[in-house]
Amino acid sequence: MSVLLTVVYVVFAVAALLTVWRIISGPSILDRAVASDVLLTLIICVLGAEMAINHHTRTLPLLLIVAAVGVFGSISIARFVARRDGGTK
């Protein structure tokens, strides 16, 4: 079980580093927005995995807050890009 957990942690860490790299070097704001959504999804997955491994639900409110921030952030960026590109209200 310990080896499996180590592999899972390494996979999540590598995915997070690659996502942060895309946020930093993304050529457009939409690339950065998608990468930030992926990073928030990774955080949600890590929190969910931690809850399952340790058999508790203490971090469930944090999980819900991170999910809400992701949704509202995506909507805000989409509205900003639509207005900047001359789209409709």
N, C-alpha and C. Protein backbone atom coordinates (compact mmCIF):
# COMPACT_ATOMS: atom_id res chain seq x y z
N MET A 1 0.82 -1.19 0.00
CA MET A 1 0.00 0.00 0.00
C MET A 1 0.86 1.25 0.00
N SER A 2 1.98 1.22 0.68
CA SER A 2 2.86 2.38 0.77
C SER A 2 3.47 2.72 -0.59
N VAL A 3 3.83 1.71 -1.36
CA VAL A 3 4.40 1.94 -2.69
C VAL A 3 3.35 2.56 -3.60
N LEU A 4 2.12 2.07 -3.50
CA LEU A 4 1.03 2.61 -4.31
C LEU A 4 0.77 4.07 -3.99
N LEU A 5 0.77 4.41 -2.71
CA LEU A 5 0.57 5.80 -2.31
C LEU A 5 1.69 6.69 -2.83
N THR A 6 2.90 6.22 -2.76
CA THR A 6 4.03 7.00 -3.27
C THR A 6 3.89 7.24 -4.77
N VAL A 7 3.49 6.23 -5.50
CA VAL A 7 3.28 6.39 -6.95
C VAL A 7 2.17 7.40 -7.22
N VAL A 8 1.09 7.32 -6.48
CA VAL A 8 -0.02 8.26 -6.67
C VAL A 8 0.43 9.68 -6.37
N TYR A 9 1.15 9.88 -5.29
CA TYR A 9 1.65 11.22 -4.94
C TYR A 9 2.59 11.76 -6.01
N VAL A 10 3.45 10.92 -6.54
CA VAL A 10 4.39 11.35 -7.58
C VAL A 10 3.63 11.73 -8.85
N VAL A 11 2.64 10.95 -9.22
CA VAL A 11 1.86 11.26 -10.42
C VAL A 11 1.13 12.60 -10.26
N PHE A 12 0.51 12.81 -9.08
CA PHE A 12 -0.16 14.09 -8.84
C PHE A 12 0.84 15.25 -8.85
N ALA A 13 2.02 15.06 -8.29
CA ALA A 13 3.02 16.13 -8.25
C ALA A 13 3.52 16.47 -9.65
N VAL A 14 3.78 15.45 -10.46
CA VAL A 14 4.24 15.71 -11.83
C VAL A 14 3.15 16.42 -12.63
N ALA A 15 1.91 15.98 -12.48
CA ALA A 15 0.80 16.63 -13.19
C ALA A 15 0.65 18.08 -12.75
N ALA A 16 0.81 18.34 -11.46
CA ALA A 16 0.70 19.72 -10.97
C ALA A 16 1.84 20.58 -11.51
N LEU A 17 3.05 20.05 -11.55
CA LEU A 17 4.18 20.83 -12.08
C LEU A 17 3.99 21.14 -13.56
N LEU A 18 3.53 20.16 -14.33
CA LEU A 18 3.29 20.41 -15.75
C LEU A 18 2.17 21.43 -15.95
N THR A 19 1.17 21.39 -15.09
CA THR A 19 0.07 22.35 -15.19
C THR A 19 0.54 23.76 -14.84
N VAL A 20 1.35 23.87 -13.81
CA VAL A 20 1.89 25.19 -13.44
C VAL A 20 2.77 25.72 -14.57
N TRP A 21 3.52 24.84 -15.21
CA TRP A 21 4.33 25.27 -16.35
C TRP A 21 3.44 25.83 -17.47
N ARG A 22 2.29 25.20 -17.72
CA ARG A 22 1.38 25.69 -18.76
C ARG A 22 0.77 27.02 -18.35
N ILE A 23 0.50 27.20 -17.07
CA ILE A 23 -0.03 28.49 -16.61
C ILE A 23 1.00 29.58 -16.82
N ILE A 24 2.26 29.29 -16.56
CA ILE A 24 3.31 30.30 -16.71
C ILE A 24 3.60 30.59 -18.17
N SER A 25 3.69 29.55 -19.00
CA SER A 25 4.14 29.76 -20.38
C SER A 25 3.02 29.75 -21.41
N GLY A 26 1.77 29.65 -20.97
CA GLY A 26 0.67 29.59 -21.93
C GLY A 26 0.63 30.82 -22.81
N PRO A 27 0.53 30.64 -24.11
CA PRO A 27 0.57 31.80 -24.99
C PRO A 27 -0.69 32.67 -24.92
N SER A 28 -1.82 32.12 -24.53
CA SER A 28 -3.03 32.95 -24.49
C SER A 28 -3.69 32.82 -23.12
N ILE A 29 -4.63 33.72 -22.88
CA ILE A 29 -5.33 33.70 -21.60
C ILE A 29 -6.21 32.46 -21.49
N LEU A 30 -6.72 31.97 -22.61
CA LEU A 30 -7.54 30.76 -22.56
C LEU A 30 -6.72 29.53 -22.21
N ASP A 31 -5.47 29.45 -22.69
CA ASP A 31 -4.60 28.35 -22.30
C ASP A 31 -4.34 28.38 -20.80
N ARG A 32 -4.12 29.57 -20.28
CA ARG A 32 -3.89 29.71 -18.85
C ARG A 32 -5.14 29.37 -18.05
N ALA A 33 -6.32 29.74 -18.57
CA ALA A 33 -7.57 29.43 -17.88
C ALA A 33 -7.81 27.92 -17.82
N VAL A 34 -7.57 27.24 -18.93
CA VAL A 34 -7.74 25.79 -18.94
C VAL A 34 -6.74 25.13 -18.00
N ALA A 35 -5.52 25.61 -17.98
CA ALA A 35 -4.50 25.04 -17.08
C ALA A 35 -4.87 25.29 -15.62
N SER A 36 -5.42 26.45 -15.31
CA SER A 36 -5.83 26.70 -13.92
C SER A 36 -7.01 25.81 -13.54
N ASP A 37 -7.92 25.54 -14.47
CA ASP A 37 -8.99 24.59 -14.19
C ASP A 37 -8.44 23.19 -13.94
N VAL A 38 -7.46 22.80 -14.71
CA VAL A 38 -6.84 21.48 -14.51
C VAL A 38 -6.15 21.44 -13.15
N LEU A 39 -5.48 22.51 -12.77
CA LEU A 39 -4.81 22.54 -11.47
C LEU A 39 -5.82 22.45 -10.33
N LEU A 40 -6.93 23.16 -10.45
CA LEU A 40 -7.95 23.06 -9.41
C LEU A 40 -8.55 21.66 -9.37
N THR A 41 -8.71 21.03 -10.52
CA THR A 41 -9.20 19.65 -10.55
C THR A 41 -8.21 18.71 -9.88
N LEU A 42 -6.93 18.93 -10.11
CA LEU A 42 -5.91 18.12 -9.43
C LEU A 42 -5.98 18.30 -7.92
N ILE A 43 -6.18 19.53 -7.47
CA ILE A 43 -6.28 19.79 -6.04
C ILE A 43 -7.50 19.07 -5.47
N ILE A 44 -8.61 19.10 -6.19
CA ILE A 44 -9.81 18.40 -5.74
C ILE A 44 -9.55 16.89 -5.66
N CYS A 45 -8.87 16.35 -6.66
CA CYS A 45 -8.55 14.92 -6.65
C CYS A 45 -7.63 14.55 -5.49
N VAL A 46 -6.65 15.39 -5.21
CA VAL A 46 -5.73 15.12 -4.10
C VAL A 46 -6.49 15.18 -2.77
N LEU A 47 -7.35 16.16 -2.61
CA LEU A 47 -8.13 16.24 -1.37
C LEU A 47 -9.06 15.03 -1.23
N GLY A 48 -9.69 14.63 -2.31
CA GLY A 48 -10.55 13.45 -2.28
C GLY A 48 -9.77 12.18 -1.97
N ALA A 49 -8.60 12.04 -2.57
CA ALA A 49 -7.76 10.87 -2.29
C ALA A 49 -7.31 10.86 -0.84
N GLU A 50 -6.96 12.02 -0.32
CA GLU A 50 -6.53 12.11 1.07
C GLU A 50 -7.68 11.73 2.01
N MET A 51 -8.89 12.16 1.68
CA MET A 51 -10.04 11.78 2.51
C MET A 51 -10.28 10.27 2.46
N ALA A 52 -10.15 9.68 1.28
CA ALA A 52 -10.37 8.24 1.15
C ALA A 52 -9.28 7.43 1.86
N ILE A 53 -8.05 7.89 1.78
CA ILE A 53 -6.94 7.17 2.41
C ILE A 53 -7.04 7.22 3.92
N ASN A 54 -7.37 8.39 4.45
CA ASN A 54 -7.40 8.56 5.91
C ASN A 54 -8.78 8.33 6.52
N HIS A 55 -9.76 7.98 5.72
CA HIS A 55 -11.11 7.64 6.19
C HIS A 55 -11.73 8.75 7.03
N HIS A 56 -11.80 9.96 6.48
CA HIS A 56 -12.45 11.06 7.17
C HIS A 56 -13.11 11.98 6.15
N THR A 57 -13.88 12.93 6.65
CA THR A 57 -14.53 13.92 5.77
C THR A 57 -14.27 15.34 6.26
N ARG A 58 -13.21 15.55 6.99
CA ARG A 58 -12.91 16.88 7.54
C ARG A 58 -12.59 17.91 6.46
N THR A 59 -12.04 17.48 5.34
CA THR A 59 -11.65 18.43 4.29
C THR A 59 -12.73 18.60 3.23
N LEU A 60 -13.92 18.06 3.47
CA LEU A 60 -15.00 18.21 2.50
C LEU A 60 -15.41 19.66 2.27
N PRO A 61 -15.51 20.51 3.31
CA PRO A 61 -15.82 21.93 3.03
C PRO A 61 -14.76 22.61 2.16
N LEU A 62 -13.50 22.29 2.39
CA LEU A 62 -12.43 22.85 1.56
C LEU A 62 -12.56 22.38 0.12
N LEU A 63 -12.93 21.12 -0.06
CA LEU A 63 -13.12 20.56 -1.39
C LEU A 63 -14.24 21.30 -2.12
N LEU A 64 -15.32 21.59 -1.44
CA LEU A 64 -16.44 22.31 -2.05
C LEU A 64 -16.07 23.76 -2.38
N ILE A 65 -15.29 24.40 -1.53
CA ILE A 65 -14.87 25.77 -1.79
C ILE A 65 -13.96 25.83 -3.01
N VAL A 66 -13.03 24.89 -3.13
CA VAL A 66 -12.13 24.87 -4.28
C VAL A 66 -12.93 24.63 -5.57
N ALA A 67 -13.93 23.77 -5.52
CA ALA A 67 -14.77 23.52 -6.68
C ALA A 67 -15.55 24.77 -7.08
N ALA A 68 -16.09 25.49 -6.10
CA ALA A 68 -16.82 26.71 -6.39
C ALA A 68 -15.91 27.79 -6.97
N VAL A 69 -14.72 27.92 -6.45
CA VAL A 69 -13.76 28.88 -6.99
C VAL A 69 -13.44 28.55 -8.44
N GLY A 70 -13.28 27.29 -8.75
CA GLY A 70 -13.01 26.88 -10.12
C GLY A 70 -14.13 27.23 -11.07
N VAL A 71 -15.36 26.98 -10.66
CA VAL A 71 -16.51 27.28 -11.52
C VAL A 71 -16.64 28.78 -11.72
N PHE A 72 -16.61 29.54 -10.64
CA PHE A 72 -16.78 30.99 -10.77
C PHE A 72 -15.61 31.64 -11.50
N GLY A 73 -14.42 31.11 -11.31
CA GLY A 73 -13.27 31.63 -12.05
C GLY A 73 -13.38 31.38 -13.54
N SER A 74 -13.83 30.21 -13.92
CA SER A 74 -14.00 29.90 -15.35
C SER A 74 -15.06 30.79 -15.98
N ILE A 75 -16.15 30.99 -15.27
CA ILE A 75 -17.22 31.87 -15.79
C ILE A 75 -16.71 33.29 -15.94
N SER A 76 -15.96 33.77 -14.97
CA SER A 76 -15.43 35.14 -15.04
C SER A 76 -14.47 35.32 -16.21
N ILE A 77 -13.60 34.35 -16.41
CA ILE A 77 -12.65 34.45 -17.52
C ILE A 77 -13.38 34.38 -18.86
N ALA A 78 -14.37 33.51 -18.96
CA ALA A 78 -15.13 33.40 -20.21
C ALA A 78 -15.85 34.70 -20.52
N ARG A 79 -16.42 35.33 -19.52
CA ARG A 79 -17.10 36.62 -19.74
C ARG A 79 -16.10 37.71 -20.14
N PHE A 80 -14.93 37.71 -19.50
CA PHE A 80 -13.90 38.70 -19.82
C PHE A 80 -13.43 38.54 -21.26
N VAL A 81 -13.16 37.32 -21.67
CA VAL A 81 -12.67 37.08 -23.03
C VAL A 81 -13.75 37.40 -24.06
N ALA A 82 -14.99 37.08 -23.74
CA ALA A 82 -16.09 37.38 -24.67
C ALA A 82 -16.24 38.89 -24.86
N ARG A 83 -16.13 39.65 -23.81
CA ARG A 83 -16.25 41.12 -23.93
C ARG A 83 -15.05 41.71 -24.64
N ARG A 84 -13.86 41.18 -24.38
CA ARG A 84 -12.66 41.70 -25.01
C ARG A 84 -12.65 41.44 -26.51
N ASP A 85 -13.18 40.28 -26.90
CA ASP A 85 -13.21 39.92 -28.32
C ASP A 85 -14.39 40.51 -29.07
N GLY A 86 -15.21 41.30 -28.37
CA GLY A 86 -16.33 41.96 -29.04
C GLY A 86 -17.57 41.12 -29.13
N GLY A 87 -17.70 40.13 -28.26
CA GLY A 87 -18.88 39.28 -28.25
C GLY A 87 -20.06 40.01 -27.65
N THR A 88 -21.20 39.36 -27.62
CA THR A 88 -22.40 39.96 -27.04
C THR A 88 -22.36 39.85 -25.53
N LYS A 89 -23.25 40.62 -24.88
CA LYS A 89 -23.33 40.59 -23.43
C LYS A 89 -23.81 39.25 -23.02
